[in-house]
Each structure stands twice: as C-alpha cells, then as structure tokens.
Amino acid sequence: MAQFKVGLTGGIGSGKSTVTKQLRGYGIAVIDADAISRAATAAGGAAIEAIVAAFGAAMLDQHGALNRALMRNLVFKDPEARQRLEAIVHPIVQEQMGLQAAQADSPYVVYDIPLLIESVARYRPQFKRICVIDCDEATQISRVQLRDQLRLDEVKRIIASQAPRQLRLQHADDVIDNGAGVDLPRLRQQVQEKHELWLALSEKDRLHKGLS
C-alpha cells in the first residue's frame, strides 16, 4: 500500500530539528535528506569519489570529507558548480530516501527536505501534504548566528540562496509558526495538532484505498 507522505521544509534556522524530534517521539518515521547528504559527503561517503573527480581533492578536508565551507563558497559564486554537486549528491539522497521509506512502518512518513520548495515540481506529486515551518528572517539570523557562529553576511547569503518565505508559504498545505514570539510550548502544541491531523488523513487515505 502506498505510504501517506508528508514533506516538511523551512528556511535555515526555522526549527526543523525541534519539530522532527517531537514527531519521532510519536513513533513517526522521519527521513532526513540533509543527514543523508552529510553521510554521503563524509569521509568514505558514497559521493566522495565523484566529488574529487569533479572538483579535485582540494575540495576535501584533512579527514577526507567534503570541506563544506569551501564548497559553500564555491557554489554561491558559481551556479554551474552547484549543478554539478547536485548531480552527484541528489541521486544518492533519492536512493537512500527510498530505502528508508521502504523500512518505515508508521501511519505516515515525514520527509525532512530543507530545499523541498526549490525542487517542488519533483516533490509535489509524491506528497499528500507539504508542511512549512515558517519563521521571520530576523529570528532565522539570530538562531543561526547563535548555533553556527556565522557572520551576519554569511547567514544572509544562505537565506538569499533559499526559496523566499512567501514562495514556501504558497506551496504549503500546513504551516507551523516558529517565528518571533513563539515559545516552545506553543510550538509543541502546533506539532501535536499537525500530528493528529496527519494521523486522521492517513487513516482516511488508507480506508479509501482499501475500498477502491
């Protein structure tokens, strides 16, 4: 039976890890595209050989993993470099997401994909729902600077490289507000509400498929 799939996304610093941790606590399978990508570009990862062939060994750090800061600077300056990197990493991520989904047995499956909206034409047909964690830019900047110790211009550059906030919201079936003024209890309440909604919709979908 086809799975009830929920795509979860949001800009950097929006709070995706907090939301997915709570969903995992409910027993929901969460497939983390960024974690798969990081594993593929770690030392000995599935993407390393192709990255060296495409960009040279100088793009690796002292441990043999992708030098993420160096690559980030390159792809910001060179769109063709971004395309070459995506052509290497994306098929690996897609394959691993499929393998993890095949092992999932929760009522619905959440796909945590930071750049979902940037590839929405590919992903929209797969998902019954797209949920956006919404956050104002000032709060994003504050969180990312605190978490990653990045300069203001670096954070703004990352935000500018991602889909605009309004575009994310245009594609959202569901929205979780995690911007300024939203405390942890309110965030958790919203996640619980979405969890209950997706449980109900997944059950309705299952019954519909059973009767059709």
N, C-alpha and C. Protein backbone atom coordinates (compact mmCIF):
# COMPACT_ATOMS: atom_id res chain seq x y z
N MET A 1 0.84 -1.20 0.00
CA MET A 1 0.00 0.00 0.00
C MET A 1 0.88 1.25 0.00
N ALA A 2 0.48 2.22 -0.81
CA ALA A 2 1.25 3.46 -0.89
C ALA A 2 1.25 4.17 0.45
N GLN A 3 2.39 4.74 0.81
CA GLN A 3 2.50 5.44 2.08
C GLN A 3 1.88 6.82 2.00
N PHE A 4 1.41 7.30 3.14
CA PHE A 4 0.96 8.67 3.25
C PHE A 4 2.19 9.50 3.59
N LYS A 5 2.64 10.32 2.63
CA LYS A 5 3.90 11.03 2.76
C LYS A 5 3.66 12.52 3.00
N VAL A 6 4.39 13.04 3.98
CA VAL A 6 4.34 14.47 4.30
C VAL A 6 5.71 15.07 4.06
N GLY A 7 5.78 16.10 3.24
CA GLY A 7 7.03 16.82 3.03
C GLY A 7 7.13 17.97 4.02
N LEU A 8 8.23 18.03 4.75
CA LEU A 8 8.45 19.06 5.76
C LEU A 8 9.62 19.93 5.34
N THR A 9 9.44 21.24 5.37
CA THR A 9 10.52 22.13 4.96
C THR A 9 10.45 23.44 5.71
N GLY A 10 11.47 24.24 5.52
CA GLY A 10 11.57 25.55 6.16
C GLY A 10 12.96 26.10 5.93
N GLY A 11 13.10 27.39 6.04
CA GLY A 11 14.41 28.00 5.84
C GLY A 11 15.37 27.65 6.96
N ILE A 12 16.63 27.99 6.74
CA ILE A 12 17.65 27.74 7.77
C ILE A 12 17.24 28.44 9.07
N GLY A 13 17.42 27.74 10.19
CA GLY A 13 17.08 28.32 11.48
C GLY A 13 15.60 28.33 11.81
N SER A 14 14.78 27.65 11.00
CA SER A 14 13.34 27.68 11.25
C SER A 14 12.90 26.74 12.36
N GLY A 15 13.74 25.74 12.68
CA GLY A 15 13.40 24.84 13.77
C GLY A 15 12.98 23.45 13.34
N LYS A 16 13.44 23.02 12.18
CA LYS A 16 13.04 21.70 11.67
C LYS A 16 13.47 20.57 12.61
N SER A 17 14.65 20.68 13.19
CA SER A 17 15.13 19.58 14.04
C SER A 17 14.28 19.45 15.30
N THR A 18 13.80 20.56 15.84
CA THR A 18 12.93 20.50 17.02
C THR A 18 11.61 19.83 16.67
N VAL A 19 11.06 20.17 15.52
CA VAL A 19 9.78 19.59 15.08
C VAL A 19 9.93 18.10 14.81
N THR A 20 10.98 17.72 14.09
CA THR A 20 11.13 16.30 13.74
C THR A 20 11.44 15.45 14.97
N LYS A 21 12.12 16.03 15.96
CA LYS A 21 12.37 15.28 17.20
C LYS A 21 11.06 14.93 17.88
N GLN A 22 10.14 15.88 17.90
CA GLN A 22 8.84 15.62 18.52
C GLN A 22 8.06 14.57 17.72
N LEU A 23 8.10 14.65 16.41
CA LEU A 23 7.40 13.67 15.58
C LEU A 23 7.97 12.27 15.77
N ARG A 24 9.29 12.18 15.87
CA ARG A 24 9.91 10.87 16.16
C ARG A 24 9.43 10.33 17.51
N GLY A 25 9.23 11.24 18.45
CA GLY A 25 8.74 10.83 19.76
C GLY A 25 7.35 10.22 19.70
N TYR A 26 6.58 10.57 18.68
CA TYR A 26 5.27 9.97 18.46
C TYR A 26 5.37 8.63 17.72
N GLY A 27 6.59 8.23 17.37
CA GLY A 27 6.77 6.98 16.64
C GLY A 27 6.69 7.13 15.14
N ILE A 28 6.78 8.36 14.65
CA ILE A 28 6.68 8.62 13.21
C ILE A 28 8.06 8.52 12.57
N ALA A 29 8.11 7.83 11.44
CA ALA A 29 9.37 7.74 10.69
C ALA A 29 9.67 9.07 10.02
N VAL A 30 10.86 9.60 10.27
CA VAL A 30 11.30 10.86 9.66
C VAL A 30 12.53 10.57 8.82
N ILE A 31 12.45 10.89 7.55
CA ILE A 31 13.56 10.70 6.63
C ILE A 31 14.24 12.06 6.43
N ASP A 32 15.48 12.15 6.85
CA ASP A 32 16.21 13.42 6.91
C ASP A 32 17.14 13.53 5.70
N ALA A 33 16.74 14.30 4.69
CA ALA A 33 17.52 14.42 3.47
C ALA A 33 18.89 15.03 3.73
N ASP A 34 18.97 16.00 4.65
CA ASP A 34 20.25 16.64 4.94
C ASP A 34 21.20 15.68 5.62
N ALA A 35 20.68 14.84 6.52
CA ALA A 35 21.53 13.85 7.18
C ALA A 35 22.07 12.84 6.17
N ILE A 36 21.25 12.45 5.20
CA ILE A 36 21.70 11.54 4.15
C ILE A 36 22.80 12.20 3.32
N SER A 37 22.59 13.47 2.98
CA SER A 37 23.58 14.21 2.21
C SER A 37 24.90 14.33 2.97
N ARG A 38 24.82 14.59 4.26
CA ARG A 38 26.04 14.71 5.07
C ARG A 38 26.78 13.39 5.14
N ALA A 39 26.04 12.29 5.26
CA ALA A 39 26.68 10.97 5.29
C ALA A 39 27.35 10.67 3.95
N ALA A 40 26.73 11.08 2.87
CA ALA A 40 27.29 10.82 1.53
C ALA A 40 28.55 11.61 1.28
N THR A 41 28.68 12.77 1.94
CA THR A 41 29.84 13.63 1.73
C THR A 41 30.84 13.56 2.88
N ALA A 42 30.61 12.65 3.83
CA ALA A 42 31.58 12.41 4.90
C ALA A 42 32.73 11.58 4.35
N ALA A 43 33.80 11.47 5.12
CA ALA A 43 34.94 10.66 4.70
C ALA A 43 34.48 9.23 4.37
N GLY A 44 34.82 8.78 3.18
CA GLY A 44 34.41 7.45 2.74
C GLY A 44 32.98 7.37 2.26
N GLY A 45 32.28 8.51 2.21
CA GLY A 45 30.89 8.52 1.79
C GLY A 45 30.71 8.23 0.31
N ALA A 46 29.47 7.92 -0.05
CA ALA A 46 29.18 7.48 -1.41
C ALA A 46 29.46 8.53 -2.48
N ALA A 47 29.48 9.81 -2.09
CA ALA A 47 29.67 10.88 -3.07
C ALA A 47 31.12 11.33 -3.21
N ILE A 48 31.98 10.90 -2.32
CA ILE A 48 33.33 11.47 -2.25
C ILE A 48 34.13 11.24 -3.54
N GLU A 49 34.11 10.04 -4.05
CA GLU A 49 34.91 9.76 -5.25
C GLU A 49 34.48 10.64 -6.41
N ALA A 50 33.18 10.79 -6.61
CA ALA A 50 32.68 11.63 -7.70
C ALA A 50 32.97 13.10 -7.46
N ILE A 51 32.94 13.53 -6.20
CA ILE A 51 33.27 14.93 -5.89
C ILE A 51 34.73 15.23 -6.21
N VAL A 52 35.61 14.31 -5.87
CA VAL A 52 37.03 14.50 -6.19
C VAL A 52 37.23 14.55 -7.70
N ALA A 53 36.52 13.68 -8.43
CA ALA A 53 36.65 13.67 -9.89
C ALA A 53 36.15 14.98 -10.50
N ALA A 54 35.10 15.55 -9.91
CA ALA A 54 34.51 16.76 -10.48
C ALA A 54 35.19 18.04 -10.01
N PHE A 55 35.68 18.07 -8.76
CA PHE A 55 36.17 19.31 -8.19
C PHE A 55 37.63 19.26 -7.73
N GLY A 56 38.20 18.05 -7.66
CA GLY A 56 39.57 17.91 -7.21
C GLY A 56 39.66 17.60 -5.73
N ALA A 57 40.77 16.99 -5.33
CA ALA A 57 40.97 16.59 -3.94
C ALA A 57 41.08 17.79 -3.00
N ALA A 58 41.37 18.96 -3.53
CA ALA A 58 41.48 20.15 -2.69
C ALA A 58 40.14 20.53 -2.06
N MET A 59 39.04 19.94 -2.57
CA MET A 59 37.72 20.24 -2.02
C MET A 59 37.42 19.39 -0.78
N LEU A 60 38.37 18.52 -0.39
CA LEU A 60 38.18 17.71 0.81
C LEU A 60 38.94 18.32 1.98
N ASP A 61 38.48 18.01 3.19
CA ASP A 61 39.20 18.48 4.37
C ASP A 61 40.28 17.46 4.76
N GLN A 62 40.94 17.69 5.87
CA GLN A 62 42.07 16.85 6.27
C GLN A 62 41.65 15.42 6.59
N HIS A 63 40.36 15.21 6.83
CA HIS A 63 39.87 13.87 7.16
C HIS A 63 39.34 13.11 5.94
N GLY A 64 39.32 13.80 4.80
CA GLY A 64 38.81 13.15 3.59
C GLY A 64 37.33 13.36 3.36
N ALA A 65 36.72 14.24 4.14
CA ALA A 65 35.31 14.59 3.95
C ALA A 65 35.22 15.86 3.10
N LEU A 66 34.04 16.10 2.55
CA LEU A 66 33.83 17.35 1.81
C LEU A 66 34.06 18.54 2.74
N ASN A 67 34.85 19.49 2.28
CA ASN A 67 35.03 20.74 3.00
C ASN A 67 33.80 21.60 2.71
N ARG A 68 32.84 21.57 3.63
CA ARG A 68 31.55 22.19 3.36
C ARG A 68 31.65 23.71 3.23
N ALA A 69 32.51 24.33 4.00
CA ALA A 69 32.67 25.79 3.92
C ALA A 69 33.25 26.18 2.57
N LEU A 70 34.25 25.42 2.10
CA LEU A 70 34.87 25.70 0.81
C LEU A 70 33.88 25.50 -0.32
N MET A 71 33.12 24.40 -0.24
CA MET A 71 32.13 24.14 -1.28
C MET A 71 31.01 25.17 -1.24
N ARG A 72 30.60 25.57 -0.05
CA ARG A 72 29.54 26.57 0.06
C ARG A 72 29.96 27.86 -0.62
N ASN A 73 31.20 28.28 -0.42
CA ASN A 73 31.69 29.50 -1.06
C ASN A 73 31.73 29.35 -2.58
N LEU A 74 32.10 28.17 -3.04
CA LEU A 74 32.17 27.94 -4.49
C LEU A 74 30.80 28.00 -5.14
N VAL A 75 29.84 27.28 -4.56
CA VAL A 75 28.53 27.20 -5.22
C VAL A 75 27.77 28.52 -5.14
N PHE A 76 28.06 29.35 -4.14
CA PHE A 76 27.45 30.66 -4.09
C PHE A 76 27.92 31.52 -5.26
N LYS A 77 29.18 31.34 -5.65
CA LYS A 77 29.75 32.15 -6.73
C LYS A 77 29.47 31.55 -8.11
N ASP A 78 29.32 30.23 -8.18
CA ASP A 78 29.29 29.54 -9.47
C ASP A 78 28.07 28.61 -9.55
N PRO A 79 26.99 29.05 -10.20
CA PRO A 79 25.79 28.21 -10.32
C PRO A 79 26.06 26.87 -11.00
N GLU A 80 27.01 26.84 -11.93
CA GLU A 80 27.33 25.57 -12.59
C GLU A 80 27.96 24.58 -11.61
N ALA A 81 28.73 25.08 -10.68
CA ALA A 81 29.32 24.21 -9.65
C ALA A 81 28.22 23.63 -8.78
N ARG A 82 27.23 24.43 -8.45
CA ARG A 82 26.09 23.93 -7.67
C ARG A 82 25.39 22.81 -8.43
N GLN A 83 25.19 23.01 -9.72
CA GLN A 83 24.51 21.98 -10.53
C GLN A 83 25.33 20.69 -10.58
N ARG A 84 26.64 20.81 -10.70
CA ARG A 84 27.50 19.61 -10.73
C ARG A 84 27.44 18.87 -9.41
N LEU A 85 27.47 19.63 -8.30
CA LEU A 85 27.39 19.00 -6.99
C LEU A 85 26.04 18.31 -6.80
N GLU A 86 24.96 18.99 -7.18
CA GLU A 86 23.63 18.41 -7.03
C GLU A 86 23.48 17.16 -7.88
N ALA A 87 24.09 17.15 -9.06
CA ALA A 87 24.00 15.98 -9.93
C ALA A 87 24.68 14.76 -9.31
N ILE A 88 25.64 15.01 -8.44
CA ILE A 88 26.33 13.92 -7.73
C ILE A 88 25.54 13.48 -6.50
N VAL A 89 25.12 14.45 -5.70
CA VAL A 89 24.54 14.13 -4.39
C VAL A 89 23.07 13.74 -4.46
N HIS A 90 22.29 14.43 -5.30
CA HIS A 90 20.85 14.20 -5.31
C HIS A 90 20.45 12.76 -5.61
N PRO A 91 21.05 12.09 -6.60
CA PRO A 91 20.65 10.69 -6.83
C PRO A 91 20.92 9.79 -5.64
N ILE A 92 22.01 10.05 -4.92
CA ILE A 92 22.32 9.27 -3.72
C ILE A 92 21.27 9.51 -2.65
N VAL A 93 20.89 10.77 -2.47
CA VAL A 93 19.88 11.11 -1.47
C VAL A 93 18.55 10.46 -1.83
N GLN A 94 18.16 10.54 -3.11
CA GLN A 94 16.90 9.94 -3.54
C GLN A 94 16.88 8.43 -3.29
N GLU A 95 17.98 7.77 -3.61
CA GLU A 95 18.06 6.32 -3.41
C GLU A 95 17.93 5.97 -1.93
N GLN A 96 18.65 6.69 -1.08
CA GLN A 96 18.62 6.39 0.35
C GLN A 96 17.25 6.72 0.97
N MET A 97 16.62 7.78 0.49
CA MET A 97 15.28 8.10 0.99
C MET A 97 14.32 6.96 0.65
N GLY A 98 14.45 6.42 -0.55
CA GLY A 98 13.60 5.31 -0.95
C GLY A 98 13.83 4.07 -0.10
N LEU A 99 15.08 3.79 0.22
CA LEU A 99 15.40 2.64 1.06
C LEU A 99 14.85 2.82 2.47
N GLN A 100 15.00 4.02 3.01
CA GLN A 100 14.48 4.27 4.36
C GLN A 100 12.96 4.22 4.39
N ALA A 101 12.32 4.73 3.34
CA ALA A 101 10.86 4.70 3.27
C ALA A 101 10.34 3.27 3.22
N ALA A 102 11.07 2.41 2.52
CA ALA A 102 10.65 1.01 2.41
C ALA A 102 10.67 0.30 3.76
N GLN A 103 11.48 0.79 4.69
CA GLN A 103 11.60 0.19 6.01
C GLN A 103 10.65 0.82 7.03
N ALA A 104 10.00 1.93 6.65
CA ALA A 104 9.15 2.66 7.60
C ALA A 104 7.82 1.94 7.78
N ASP A 105 7.33 1.90 9.02
CA ASP A 105 6.05 1.25 9.28
C ASP A 105 5.11 2.13 10.12
N SER A 106 5.37 3.44 10.17
CA SER A 106 4.50 4.34 10.91
C SER A 106 3.29 4.73 10.05
N PRO A 107 2.22 5.25 10.66
CA PRO A 107 1.00 5.58 9.91
C PRO A 107 1.23 6.55 8.76
N TYR A 108 2.15 7.46 8.94
CA TYR A 108 2.57 8.34 7.85
C TYR A 108 4.08 8.52 7.97
N VAL A 109 4.69 9.02 6.89
CA VAL A 109 6.15 9.20 6.85
C VAL A 109 6.44 10.67 6.55
N VAL A 110 7.34 11.25 7.31
CA VAL A 110 7.73 12.65 7.11
C VAL A 110 9.08 12.70 6.41
N TYR A 111 9.15 13.49 5.36
CA TYR A 111 10.39 13.72 4.62
C TYR A 111 10.87 15.13 4.96
N ASP A 112 11.94 15.22 5.72
CA ASP A 112 12.53 16.50 6.11
C ASP A 112 13.50 16.92 5.01
N ILE A 113 13.06 17.87 4.16
CA ILE A 113 13.84 18.27 2.99
C ILE A 113 14.00 19.79 3.01
N PRO A 114 15.17 20.29 3.42
CA PRO A 114 15.35 21.75 3.53
C PRO A 114 15.05 22.50 2.22
N LEU A 115 15.44 21.92 1.09
CA LEU A 115 15.27 22.61 -0.19
C LEU A 115 14.11 22.02 -1.00
N LEU A 116 13.06 21.61 -0.31
CA LEU A 116 11.92 21.00 -0.99
C LEU A 116 11.29 21.95 -2.01
N ILE A 117 11.08 23.19 -1.62
CA ILE A 117 10.40 24.13 -2.50
C ILE A 117 11.24 24.44 -3.73
N GLU A 118 12.56 24.41 -3.57
CA GLU A 118 13.44 24.65 -4.72
C GLU A 118 13.28 23.55 -5.79
N SER A 119 12.78 22.39 -5.38
CA SER A 119 12.54 21.27 -6.32
C SER A 119 11.10 20.80 -6.21
N VAL A 120 10.18 21.75 -6.03
CA VAL A 120 8.80 21.38 -5.74
C VAL A 120 8.14 20.62 -6.90
N ALA A 121 8.54 20.90 -8.13
CA ALA A 121 7.94 20.19 -9.26
C ALA A 121 8.22 18.70 -9.18
N ARG A 122 9.39 18.35 -8.64
CA ARG A 122 9.75 16.94 -8.48
C ARG A 122 9.03 16.32 -7.29
N TYR A 123 8.93 17.08 -6.20
CA TYR A 123 8.43 16.50 -4.96
C TYR A 123 6.92 16.57 -4.80
N ARG A 124 6.27 17.57 -5.37
CA ARG A 124 4.83 17.76 -5.13
C ARG A 124 4.00 16.51 -5.40
N PRO A 125 4.24 15.79 -6.51
CA PRO A 125 3.41 14.60 -6.77
C PRO A 125 3.59 13.48 -5.73
N GLN A 126 4.70 13.49 -5.01
CA GLN A 126 4.97 12.42 -4.04
C GLN A 126 4.24 12.61 -2.73
N PHE A 127 3.92 13.86 -2.37
CA PHE A 127 3.46 14.17 -1.02
C PHE A 127 1.97 14.48 -0.98
N LYS A 128 1.32 13.90 0.02
CA LYS A 128 -0.09 14.24 0.27
C LYS A 128 -0.19 15.63 0.89
N ARG A 129 0.80 15.98 1.71
CA ARG A 129 0.82 17.28 2.35
C ARG A 129 2.24 17.85 2.30
N ILE A 130 2.33 19.16 2.16
CA ILE A 130 3.59 19.87 2.36
C ILE A 130 3.40 20.80 3.54
N CYS A 131 4.27 20.64 4.54
CA CYS A 131 4.20 21.46 5.75
C CYS A 131 5.42 22.38 5.80
N VAL A 132 5.18 23.65 5.96
CA VAL A 132 6.24 24.65 6.05
C VAL A 132 6.36 25.14 7.48
N ILE A 133 7.57 25.10 8.01
CA ILE A 133 7.85 25.73 9.30
C ILE A 133 8.22 27.17 8.99
N ASP A 134 7.36 28.08 9.37
CA ASP A 134 7.52 29.48 8.98
C ASP A 134 8.23 30.27 10.07
N CYS A 135 9.09 31.17 9.62
CA CYS A 135 9.90 31.95 10.56
C CYS A 135 10.32 33.25 9.89
N ASP A 136 10.27 34.34 10.63
CA ASP A 136 10.72 35.62 10.10
C ASP A 136 12.25 35.64 10.00
N GLU A 137 12.75 36.46 9.09
CA GLU A 137 14.18 36.46 8.79
C GLU A 137 15.03 36.88 9.98
N ALA A 138 14.57 37.85 10.75
CA ALA A 138 15.37 38.31 11.89
C ALA A 138 15.59 37.18 12.89
N THR A 139 14.56 36.37 13.11
CA THR A 139 14.69 35.24 14.04
C THR A 139 15.60 34.17 13.46
N GLN A 140 15.47 33.92 12.15
CA GLN A 140 16.38 32.98 11.50
C GLN A 140 17.83 33.39 11.72
N ILE A 141 18.13 34.65 11.46
CA ILE A 141 19.50 35.15 11.58
C ILE A 141 20.01 34.97 13.00
N SER A 142 19.21 35.35 13.97
CA SER A 142 19.61 35.24 15.37
C SER A 142 19.92 33.80 15.76
N ARG A 143 19.04 32.87 15.35
CA ARG A 143 19.25 31.46 15.70
C ARG A 143 20.49 30.88 15.05
N VAL A 144 20.68 31.17 13.77
CA VAL A 144 21.80 30.58 13.04
C VAL A 144 23.13 31.15 13.53
N GLN A 145 23.17 32.43 13.82
CA GLN A 145 24.41 33.01 14.35
C GLN A 145 24.77 32.40 15.70
N LEU A 146 23.76 32.17 16.53
CA LEU A 146 23.99 31.57 17.84
C LEU A 146 24.43 30.12 17.70
N ARG A 147 23.80 29.39 16.78
CA ARG A 147 24.07 27.96 16.62
C ARG A 147 25.38 27.69 15.89
N ASP A 148 25.61 28.40 14.78
CA ASP A 148 26.73 28.07 13.88
C ASP A 148 27.88 29.04 13.94
N GLN A 149 27.73 30.12 14.71
CA GLN A 149 28.80 31.12 14.84
C GLN A 149 29.21 31.70 13.48
N LEU A 150 28.22 31.93 12.62
CA LEU A 150 28.49 32.51 11.31
C LEU A 150 28.33 34.03 11.37
N ARG A 151 29.04 34.71 10.46
CA ARG A 151 28.91 36.17 10.36
C ARG A 151 27.54 36.52 9.78
N LEU A 152 27.09 37.73 10.04
CA LEU A 152 25.79 38.18 9.55
C LEU A 152 25.70 38.05 8.04
N ASP A 153 26.75 38.46 7.31
CA ASP A 153 26.69 38.41 5.86
C ASP A 153 26.61 36.97 5.36
N GLU A 154 27.24 36.03 6.07
CA GLU A 154 27.17 34.63 5.67
C GLU A 154 25.76 34.08 5.84
N VAL A 155 25.13 34.41 6.95
CA VAL A 155 23.76 33.93 7.19
C VAL A 155 22.81 34.52 6.16
N LYS A 156 22.95 35.81 5.89
CA LYS A 156 22.07 36.45 4.90
C LYS A 156 22.27 35.86 3.51
N ARG A 157 23.49 35.47 3.21
CA ARG A 157 23.77 34.87 1.90
C ARG A 157 23.09 33.51 1.79
N ILE A 158 23.11 32.74 2.87
CA ILE A 158 22.44 31.44 2.87
C ILE A 158 20.93 31.62 2.71
N ILE A 159 20.37 32.55 3.45
CA ILE A 159 18.92 32.81 3.36
C ILE A 159 18.55 33.23 1.94
N ALA A 160 19.37 34.09 1.35
CA ALA A 160 19.09 34.57 -0.01
C ALA A 160 19.17 33.46 -1.04
N SER A 161 19.95 32.42 -0.75
CA SER A 161 20.09 31.31 -1.71
C SER A 161 18.93 30.33 -1.63
N GLN A 162 18.11 30.44 -0.57
CA GLN A 162 16.97 29.55 -0.40
C GLN A 162 15.71 30.18 -0.97
N ALA A 163 14.68 29.36 -1.12
CA ALA A 163 13.40 29.86 -1.63
C ALA A 163 12.88 30.97 -0.73
N PRO A 164 12.29 32.02 -1.30
CA PRO A 164 11.74 33.10 -0.47
C PRO A 164 10.63 32.58 0.44
N ARG A 165 10.50 33.24 1.56
CA ARG A 165 9.49 32.83 2.55
C ARG A 165 8.10 32.75 1.93
N GLN A 166 7.71 33.75 1.16
CA GLN A 166 6.37 33.77 0.59
C GLN A 166 6.15 32.64 -0.40
N LEU A 167 7.20 32.25 -1.12
CA LEU A 167 7.07 31.14 -2.05
C LEU A 167 6.84 29.84 -1.30
N ARG A 168 7.57 29.64 -0.19
CA ARG A 168 7.33 28.45 0.63
C ARG A 168 5.88 28.40 1.09
N LEU A 169 5.37 29.53 1.56
CA LEU A 169 4.01 29.57 2.08
C LEU A 169 2.98 29.32 0.99
N GLN A 170 3.28 29.73 -0.24
CA GLN A 170 2.36 29.49 -1.35
C GLN A 170 2.15 28.01 -1.62
N HIS A 171 3.18 27.22 -1.35
CA HIS A 171 3.11 25.78 -1.62
C HIS A 171 2.67 24.97 -0.40
N ALA A 172 2.42 25.64 0.73
CA ALA A 172 2.14 24.93 1.98
C ALA A 172 0.69 24.48 2.07
N ASP A 173 0.49 23.21 2.42
CA ASP A 173 -0.83 22.73 2.84
C ASP A 173 -1.02 23.00 4.32
N ASP A 174 0.07 22.93 5.06
CA ASP A 174 0.06 23.14 6.51
C ASP A 174 1.22 24.05 6.89
N VAL A 175 1.02 24.87 7.90
CA VAL A 175 2.06 25.80 8.36
C VAL A 175 2.22 25.67 9.87
N ILE A 176 3.47 25.58 10.31
CA ILE A 176 3.81 25.65 11.73
C ILE A 176 4.57 26.96 11.94
N ASP A 177 4.02 27.81 12.78
CA ASP A 177 4.64 29.11 13.05
C ASP A 177 5.70 28.94 14.13
N ASN A 178 6.95 29.24 13.79
CA ASN A 178 8.03 29.20 14.78
C ASN A 178 8.86 30.46 14.71
N GLY A 179 8.20 31.57 14.49
CA GLY A 179 8.90 32.84 14.40
C GLY A 179 8.99 33.55 15.74
N ALA A 180 9.25 34.83 15.68
CA ALA A 180 9.40 35.64 16.89
C ALA A 180 8.15 35.54 17.75
N GLY A 181 8.35 35.35 19.04
CA GLY A 181 7.23 35.32 19.97
C GLY A 181 6.61 33.95 20.19
N VAL A 182 7.06 32.95 19.42
CA VAL A 182 6.53 31.59 19.60
C VAL A 182 7.44 30.84 20.57
N ASP A 183 6.90 30.48 21.73
CA ASP A 183 7.72 29.74 22.70
C ASP A 183 7.62 28.24 22.44
N LEU A 184 8.41 27.48 23.18
CA LEU A 184 8.47 26.04 22.94
C LEU A 184 7.13 25.34 23.20
N PRO A 185 6.40 25.67 24.27
CA PRO A 185 5.09 25.03 24.46
C PRO A 185 4.13 25.26 23.29
N ARG A 186 4.12 26.49 22.75
CA ARG A 186 3.23 26.78 21.61
C ARG A 186 3.68 26.01 20.37
N LEU A 187 4.99 25.90 20.17
CA LEU A 187 5.49 25.13 19.03
C LEU A 187 5.08 23.67 19.17
N ARG A 188 5.25 23.11 20.37
CA ARG A 188 4.89 21.71 20.58
C ARG A 188 3.40 21.46 20.37
N GLN A 189 2.60 22.43 20.78
CA GLN A 189 1.15 22.31 20.58
C GLN A 189 0.82 22.24 19.09
N GLN A 190 1.47 23.09 18.30
CA GLN A 190 1.23 23.09 16.87
C GLN A 190 1.64 21.76 16.23
N VAL A 191 2.78 21.23 16.67
CA VAL A 191 3.25 19.96 16.11
C VAL A 191 2.27 18.84 16.47
N GLN A 192 1.76 18.85 17.69
CA GLN A 192 0.79 17.84 18.08
C GLN A 192 -0.48 17.94 17.24
N GLU A 193 -0.91 19.17 16.98
CA GLU A 193 -2.10 19.36 16.15
C GLU A 193 -1.89 18.82 14.74
N LYS A 194 -0.70 19.08 14.17
CA LYS A 194 -0.41 18.58 12.82
C LYS A 194 -0.32 17.05 12.83
N HIS A 195 0.29 16.51 13.88
CA HIS A 195 0.39 15.05 14.00
C HIS A 195 -1.00 14.42 14.01
N GLU A 196 -1.90 14.97 14.77
CA GLU A 196 -3.26 14.42 14.84
C GLU A 196 -3.98 14.56 13.51
N LEU A 197 -3.75 15.68 12.82
CA LEU A 197 -4.34 15.87 11.50
C LEU A 197 -3.82 14.83 10.52
N TRP A 198 -2.51 14.63 10.50
CA TRP A 198 -1.93 13.69 9.54
C TRP A 198 -2.30 12.26 9.85
N LEU A 199 -2.46 11.94 11.14
CA LEU A 199 -2.95 10.61 11.50
C LEU A 199 -4.35 10.40 10.93
N ALA A 200 -5.21 11.38 11.11
CA ALA A 200 -6.58 11.27 10.62
C ALA A 200 -6.61 11.17 9.09
N LEU A 201 -5.83 11.99 8.43
CA LEU A 201 -5.82 11.97 6.96
C LEU A 201 -5.21 10.68 6.42
N SER A 202 -4.19 10.18 7.10
CA SER A 202 -3.57 8.93 6.63
C SER A 202 -4.53 7.75 6.82
N GLU A 203 -5.30 7.76 7.90
CA GLU A 203 -6.29 6.70 8.12
C GLU A 203 -7.40 6.79 7.07
N LYS A 204 -7.85 8.00 6.78
CA LYS A 204 -8.86 8.20 5.75
C LYS A 204 -8.35 7.72 4.39
N ASP A 205 -7.10 8.04 4.11
CA ASP A 205 -6.49 7.62 2.85
C ASP A 205 -6.38 6.10 2.78
N ARG A 206 -6.01 5.49 3.89
CA ARG A 206 -5.88 4.02 3.93
C ARG A 206 -7.22 3.35 3.69
N LEU A 207 -8.27 3.87 4.33
CA LEU A 207 -9.60 3.30 4.17
C LEU A 207 -10.09 3.48 2.75
N HIS A 208 -9.81 4.63 2.17
CA HIS A 208 -10.23 4.90 0.78
C HIS A 208 -9.58 3.92 -0.18
N LYS A 209 -8.27 3.69 0.03
CA LYS A 209 -7.56 2.76 -0.85
C LYS A 209 -8.07 1.33 -0.65
N GLY A 210 -8.47 1.01 0.61
CA GLY A 210 -8.98 -0.33 0.87
C GLY A 210 -10.31 -0.58 0.22
N LEU A 211 -11.10 0.49 0.03
CA LEU A 211 -12.43 0.33 -0.56
C LEU A 211 -12.42 0.46 -2.07
N SER A 212 -11.37 1.06 -2.60
CA SER A 212 -11.34 1.29 -4.05
C SER A 212 -10.79 0.09 -4.81
